[in-house]
N, C-alpha and C. Protein backbone atom coordinates (compact mmCIF):
# COMPACT_ATOMS: atom_id res chain seq x y z
N MET A 1 0.85 -1.17 0.00
CA MET A 1 0.00 0.00 0.00
C MET A 1 0.90 1.23 0.00
N PRO A 2 0.81 2.02 -1.05
CA PRO A 2 1.67 3.21 -1.14
C PRO A 2 1.41 4.21 -0.02
N THR A 3 2.45 4.93 0.35
CA THR A 3 2.29 5.97 1.36
C THR A 3 1.30 7.02 0.88
N GLY A 4 0.53 7.56 1.81
CA GLY A 4 -0.44 8.59 1.48
C GLY A 4 -1.73 8.09 0.85
N THR A 5 -1.97 6.78 0.88
CA THR A 5 -3.19 6.23 0.30
C THR A 5 -4.01 5.52 1.36
N ARG A 6 -5.24 5.19 0.99
CA ARG A 6 -6.08 4.42 1.89
C ARG A 6 -6.99 3.51 1.07
N GLY A 7 -7.46 2.48 1.74
CA GLY A 7 -8.43 1.59 1.11
C GLY A 7 -9.82 2.17 1.28
N ARG A 8 -10.80 1.47 0.72
CA ARG A 8 -12.19 1.85 0.91
C ARG A 8 -12.73 1.11 2.13
N PRO A 9 -13.62 1.72 2.89
CA PRO A 9 -14.25 0.99 3.99
C PRO A 9 -14.98 -0.24 3.42
N HIS A 10 -14.80 -1.38 4.07
CA HIS A 10 -15.41 -2.60 3.58
C HIS A 10 -15.46 -3.65 4.68
N LEU A 11 -16.13 -4.75 4.38
CA LEU A 11 -16.10 -5.91 5.25
C LEU A 11 -16.10 -7.15 4.37
N HIS A 12 -15.71 -8.26 4.96
CA HIS A 12 -15.68 -9.55 4.28
C HIS A 12 -16.79 -10.40 4.91
N GLU A 13 -17.84 -10.63 4.13
CA GLU A 13 -19.00 -11.35 4.64
C GLU A 13 -18.67 -12.81 4.92
N GLY A 14 -18.85 -13.22 6.17
CA GLY A 14 -18.74 -14.62 6.54
C GLY A 14 -17.34 -15.17 6.70
N HIS A 15 -16.31 -14.35 6.60
CA HIS A 15 -14.98 -14.89 6.86
C HIS A 15 -14.05 -13.83 7.46
N GLU A 16 -13.02 -14.35 8.11
CA GLU A 16 -12.10 -13.49 8.84
C GLU A 16 -10.79 -13.31 8.10
N SER A 17 -10.01 -12.32 8.54
CA SER A 17 -8.72 -12.03 7.94
C SER A 17 -7.66 -11.93 9.03
N ALA A 18 -6.46 -12.38 8.69
CA ALA A 18 -5.29 -12.22 9.56
C ALA A 18 -4.25 -11.46 8.75
N ILE A 19 -3.73 -10.38 9.30
CA ILE A 19 -2.83 -9.50 8.56
C ILE A 19 -1.55 -9.29 9.36
N PHE A 20 -0.41 -9.58 8.73
CA PHE A 20 0.91 -9.40 9.33
C PHE A 20 1.62 -8.30 8.56
N ILE A 21 2.06 -7.26 9.26
CA ILE A 21 2.74 -6.13 8.62
C ILE A 21 4.22 -6.49 8.46
N GLN A 22 4.66 -6.53 7.21
CA GLN A 22 6.06 -6.88 6.93
C GLN A 22 6.98 -5.66 6.94
N SER A 23 6.49 -4.53 6.41
CA SER A 23 7.29 -3.30 6.44
C SER A 23 6.36 -2.10 6.35
N GLY A 24 6.87 -0.97 6.81
CA GLY A 24 6.07 0.24 6.82
C GLY A 24 5.12 0.28 8.01
N GLN A 25 4.10 1.11 7.89
CA GLN A 25 3.09 1.20 8.94
C GLN A 25 1.75 1.48 8.30
N VAL A 26 0.69 1.17 9.01
CA VAL A 26 -0.66 1.40 8.52
C VAL A 26 -1.56 1.67 9.71
N GLU A 27 -2.49 2.59 9.53
CA GLU A 27 -3.55 2.80 10.51
C GLU A 27 -4.73 1.97 10.04
N VAL A 28 -5.38 1.28 10.95
CA VAL A 28 -6.57 0.51 10.60
C VAL A 28 -7.73 1.04 11.44
N TRP A 29 -8.74 1.55 10.74
CA TRP A 29 -9.98 1.98 11.37
C TRP A 29 -10.91 0.79 11.25
N HIS A 30 -11.56 0.40 12.34
CA HIS A 30 -12.37 -0.82 12.30
C HIS A 30 -13.50 -0.77 13.31
N GLY A 31 -14.41 -1.76 13.18
CA GLY A 31 -15.55 -1.84 14.08
C GLY A 31 -16.72 -1.01 13.57
N GLU A 32 -17.79 -1.02 14.36
CA GLU A 32 -19.00 -0.29 13.99
C GLU A 32 -18.69 1.19 13.80
N ASP A 33 -19.11 1.74 12.67
CA ASP A 33 -18.88 3.14 12.29
C ASP A 33 -17.38 3.46 12.21
N LEU A 34 -16.55 2.43 12.08
CA LEU A 34 -15.09 2.57 12.02
C LEU A 34 -14.55 3.37 13.21
N ALA A 35 -15.16 3.18 14.35
CA ALA A 35 -14.85 3.98 15.54
C ALA A 35 -13.57 3.55 16.26
N GLU A 36 -13.10 2.34 16.00
CA GLU A 36 -11.88 1.86 16.65
C GLU A 36 -10.69 2.12 15.73
N HIS A 37 -9.53 2.32 16.32
CA HIS A 37 -8.35 2.73 15.57
C HIS A 37 -7.10 2.11 16.17
N VAL A 38 -6.23 1.60 15.31
CA VAL A 38 -4.96 1.05 15.76
C VAL A 38 -3.89 1.40 14.72
N VAL A 39 -2.66 1.65 15.18
CA VAL A 39 -1.53 1.88 14.29
C VAL A 39 -0.65 0.64 14.36
N LEU A 40 -0.38 0.06 13.19
CA LEU A 40 0.43 -1.16 13.11
C LEU A 40 1.74 -0.85 12.39
N ARG A 41 2.81 -1.46 12.88
CA ARG A 41 4.14 -1.28 12.27
C ARG A 41 4.72 -2.65 11.95
N ALA A 42 5.84 -2.65 11.26
CA ALA A 42 6.48 -3.90 10.86
C ALA A 42 6.58 -4.84 12.06
N GLY A 43 6.13 -6.09 11.86
CA GLY A 43 6.15 -7.09 12.91
C GLY A 43 4.83 -7.23 13.65
N ASP A 44 3.91 -6.28 13.46
CA ASP A 44 2.61 -6.34 14.12
C ASP A 44 1.63 -7.21 13.33
N TYR A 45 0.59 -7.64 14.03
CA TYR A 45 -0.43 -8.52 13.46
C TYR A 45 -1.80 -8.03 13.92
N ILE A 46 -2.79 -8.17 13.05
CA ILE A 46 -4.16 -7.85 13.42
C ILE A 46 -5.08 -8.94 12.90
N HIS A 47 -6.07 -9.26 13.70
CA HIS A 47 -7.11 -10.21 13.30
C HIS A 47 -8.38 -9.40 13.07
N ILE A 48 -9.00 -9.56 11.90
CA ILE A 48 -10.26 -8.90 11.59
C ILE A 48 -11.34 -9.98 11.57
N PRO A 49 -12.22 -10.01 12.57
CA PRO A 49 -13.28 -11.02 12.59
C PRO A 49 -14.21 -10.89 11.37
N ALA A 50 -14.89 -11.96 11.06
CA ALA A 50 -15.86 -11.96 9.96
C ALA A 50 -16.87 -10.83 10.14
N ASP A 51 -17.25 -10.22 9.04
CA ASP A 51 -18.29 -9.19 9.00
C ASP A 51 -17.93 -7.92 9.77
N THR A 52 -16.65 -7.67 9.99
CA THR A 52 -16.21 -6.48 10.72
C THR A 52 -15.79 -5.39 9.74
N PRO A 53 -16.45 -4.23 9.77
CA PRO A 53 -16.03 -3.13 8.91
C PRO A 53 -14.58 -2.71 9.24
N HIS A 54 -13.81 -2.42 8.20
CA HIS A 54 -12.44 -1.96 8.42
C HIS A 54 -11.94 -1.18 7.20
N MET A 55 -10.89 -0.39 7.43
CA MET A 55 -10.30 0.42 6.37
C MET A 55 -8.84 0.73 6.73
N PRO A 56 -7.90 0.37 5.84
CA PRO A 56 -6.49 0.70 6.08
C PRO A 56 -6.16 2.09 5.53
N VAL A 57 -5.26 2.79 6.23
CA VAL A 57 -4.80 4.11 5.81
C VAL A 57 -3.29 4.15 6.03
N ASN A 58 -2.53 4.45 4.97
CA ASN A 58 -1.08 4.54 5.11
C ASN A 58 -0.69 6.01 5.26
N THR A 59 -0.50 6.44 6.49
CA THR A 59 -0.05 7.81 6.76
C THR A 59 1.44 7.84 7.05
N GLY A 60 2.10 6.70 6.88
CA GLY A 60 3.53 6.61 7.13
C GLY A 60 4.35 7.26 6.02
N ASP A 61 5.67 7.20 6.18
CA ASP A 61 6.56 7.82 5.19
C ASP A 61 7.16 6.80 4.22
N GLN A 62 6.63 5.57 4.23
CA GLN A 62 7.08 4.57 3.27
C GLN A 62 5.92 3.65 2.93
N ASP A 63 6.04 2.95 1.83
CA ASP A 63 5.01 1.99 1.43
C ASP A 63 4.88 0.92 2.50
N MET A 64 3.67 0.41 2.66
CA MET A 64 3.41 -0.67 3.62
C MET A 64 3.24 -1.96 2.84
N VAL A 65 3.91 -3.00 3.32
CA VAL A 65 3.80 -4.34 2.73
C VAL A 65 3.29 -5.27 3.82
N CYS A 66 2.27 -6.08 3.48
CA CYS A 66 1.72 -6.99 4.47
C CYS A 66 1.40 -8.34 3.83
N LEU A 67 1.24 -9.32 4.69
CA LEU A 67 0.81 -10.66 4.30
C LEU A 67 -0.60 -10.84 4.86
N VAL A 68 -1.55 -11.19 3.98
CA VAL A 68 -2.94 -11.34 4.38
C VAL A 68 -3.38 -12.78 4.15
N ALA A 69 -4.01 -13.37 5.16
CA ALA A 69 -4.60 -14.70 5.03
C ALA A 69 -6.07 -14.59 5.39
N ARG A 70 -6.91 -15.24 4.58
CA ARG A 70 -8.35 -15.20 4.84
C ARG A 70 -8.89 -16.62 4.88
N THR A 71 -10.04 -16.79 5.51
CA THR A 71 -10.61 -18.12 5.70
C THR A 71 -11.48 -18.58 4.55
N ASP A 72 -11.55 -17.82 3.46
CA ASP A 72 -12.38 -18.18 2.31
C ASP A 72 -11.57 -18.03 1.03
N PRO A 73 -11.42 -19.12 0.26
CA PRO A 73 -10.63 -19.02 -0.98
C PRO A 73 -11.26 -18.10 -2.02
N ASP A 74 -12.55 -17.83 -1.93
CA ASP A 74 -13.24 -16.92 -2.84
C ASP A 74 -13.55 -15.61 -2.14
N GLU A 75 -12.61 -15.13 -1.32
CA GLU A 75 -12.87 -14.00 -0.44
C GLU A 75 -13.30 -12.73 -1.16
N GLN A 76 -12.92 -12.51 -2.38
CA GLN A 76 -13.32 -11.29 -3.08
C GLN A 76 -14.81 -11.29 -3.40
N GLU A 77 -15.41 -12.48 -3.44
CA GLU A 77 -16.85 -12.56 -3.69
C GLU A 77 -17.65 -12.01 -2.51
N GLY A 78 -17.08 -12.06 -1.30
CA GLY A 78 -17.79 -11.63 -0.11
C GLY A 78 -17.45 -10.23 0.35
N VAL A 79 -16.74 -9.45 -0.46
CA VAL A 79 -16.38 -8.09 -0.06
C VAL A 79 -17.59 -7.19 -0.28
N ARG A 80 -17.93 -6.46 0.77
CA ARG A 80 -19.03 -5.49 0.67
C ARG A 80 -18.46 -4.11 1.00
N LEU A 81 -18.49 -3.21 0.00
CA LEU A 81 -18.00 -1.85 0.22
C LEU A 81 -18.99 -1.07 1.07
N LEU A 82 -18.46 -0.20 1.91
CA LEU A 82 -19.26 0.59 2.84
C LEU A 82 -18.99 2.08 2.61
N ASP A 83 -19.88 2.91 3.10
CA ASP A 83 -19.66 4.35 3.04
C ASP A 83 -18.70 4.77 4.14
N LEU A 84 -17.88 5.75 3.82
CA LEU A 84 -16.97 6.33 4.81
C LEU A 84 -17.80 7.21 5.74
N PRO A 85 -17.76 6.96 7.06
CA PRO A 85 -18.51 7.82 7.98
C PRO A 85 -18.10 9.28 7.82
N ILE A 86 -19.06 10.18 7.88
CA ILE A 86 -18.79 11.60 7.69
C ILE A 86 -17.76 12.10 8.69
N TRP A 87 -17.84 11.64 9.94
CA TRP A 87 -16.91 12.11 10.96
C TRP A 87 -15.47 11.74 10.60
N LEU A 88 -15.29 10.57 9.96
CA LEU A 88 -13.95 10.12 9.63
C LEU A 88 -13.44 10.81 8.36
N GLU A 89 -14.33 11.06 7.41
CA GLU A 89 -13.93 11.80 6.21
C GLU A 89 -13.45 13.20 6.58
N SER A 90 -14.13 13.83 7.54
CA SER A 90 -13.71 15.18 7.94
C SER A 90 -12.34 15.14 8.62
N ARG A 91 -12.00 14.01 9.22
CA ARG A 91 -10.68 13.86 9.86
C ARG A 91 -9.59 13.54 8.84
N LEU A 92 -9.91 12.64 7.88
CA LEU A 92 -8.92 12.17 6.91
C LEU A 92 -8.88 12.99 5.63
N GLY A 93 -9.98 13.68 5.32
CA GLY A 93 -10.09 14.39 4.05
C GLY A 93 -10.69 13.46 3.00
N PRO A 94 -11.11 14.02 1.88
CA PRO A 94 -11.73 13.21 0.83
C PRO A 94 -10.69 12.29 0.17
N LEU A 95 -11.19 11.18 -0.36
CA LEU A 95 -10.34 10.24 -1.09
C LEU A 95 -9.93 10.91 -2.39
N PRO A 96 -8.64 10.90 -2.73
CA PRO A 96 -8.19 11.53 -3.99
C PRO A 96 -8.87 10.87 -5.19
N VAL A 97 -9.10 11.64 -6.24
CA VAL A 97 -9.72 11.12 -7.46
C VAL A 97 -8.86 9.99 -8.00
N GLY A 98 -9.52 8.88 -8.35
CA GLY A 98 -8.82 7.72 -8.89
C GLY A 98 -8.26 6.78 -7.85
N ALA A 99 -8.38 7.11 -6.58
CA ALA A 99 -7.86 6.24 -5.51
C ALA A 99 -8.97 5.36 -4.98
N GLY A 100 -8.54 4.30 -4.29
CA GLY A 100 -9.49 3.45 -3.60
C GLY A 100 -10.13 2.47 -4.50
């Protein structure tokens, strides 16, 4: 994930994700209304339970590389995009055109 970018808010229906940060750092907003927040750095791990809204944001000064494992081999079929909460957009700013 390039520095200065973010993913779209989403969840994976019916399956969980395990993410290990190999290099760089990433902020992960997660939970209902994306109200929970954690900063992960190289060597950190996060578990995202099934059906949990989440969104990665790379505010670090280098690209973030991670290893992701999911419990469903067809995991892209269960991705549901969500709206960015207004309170979080006002904090992060709008998504750049062509991003996400």
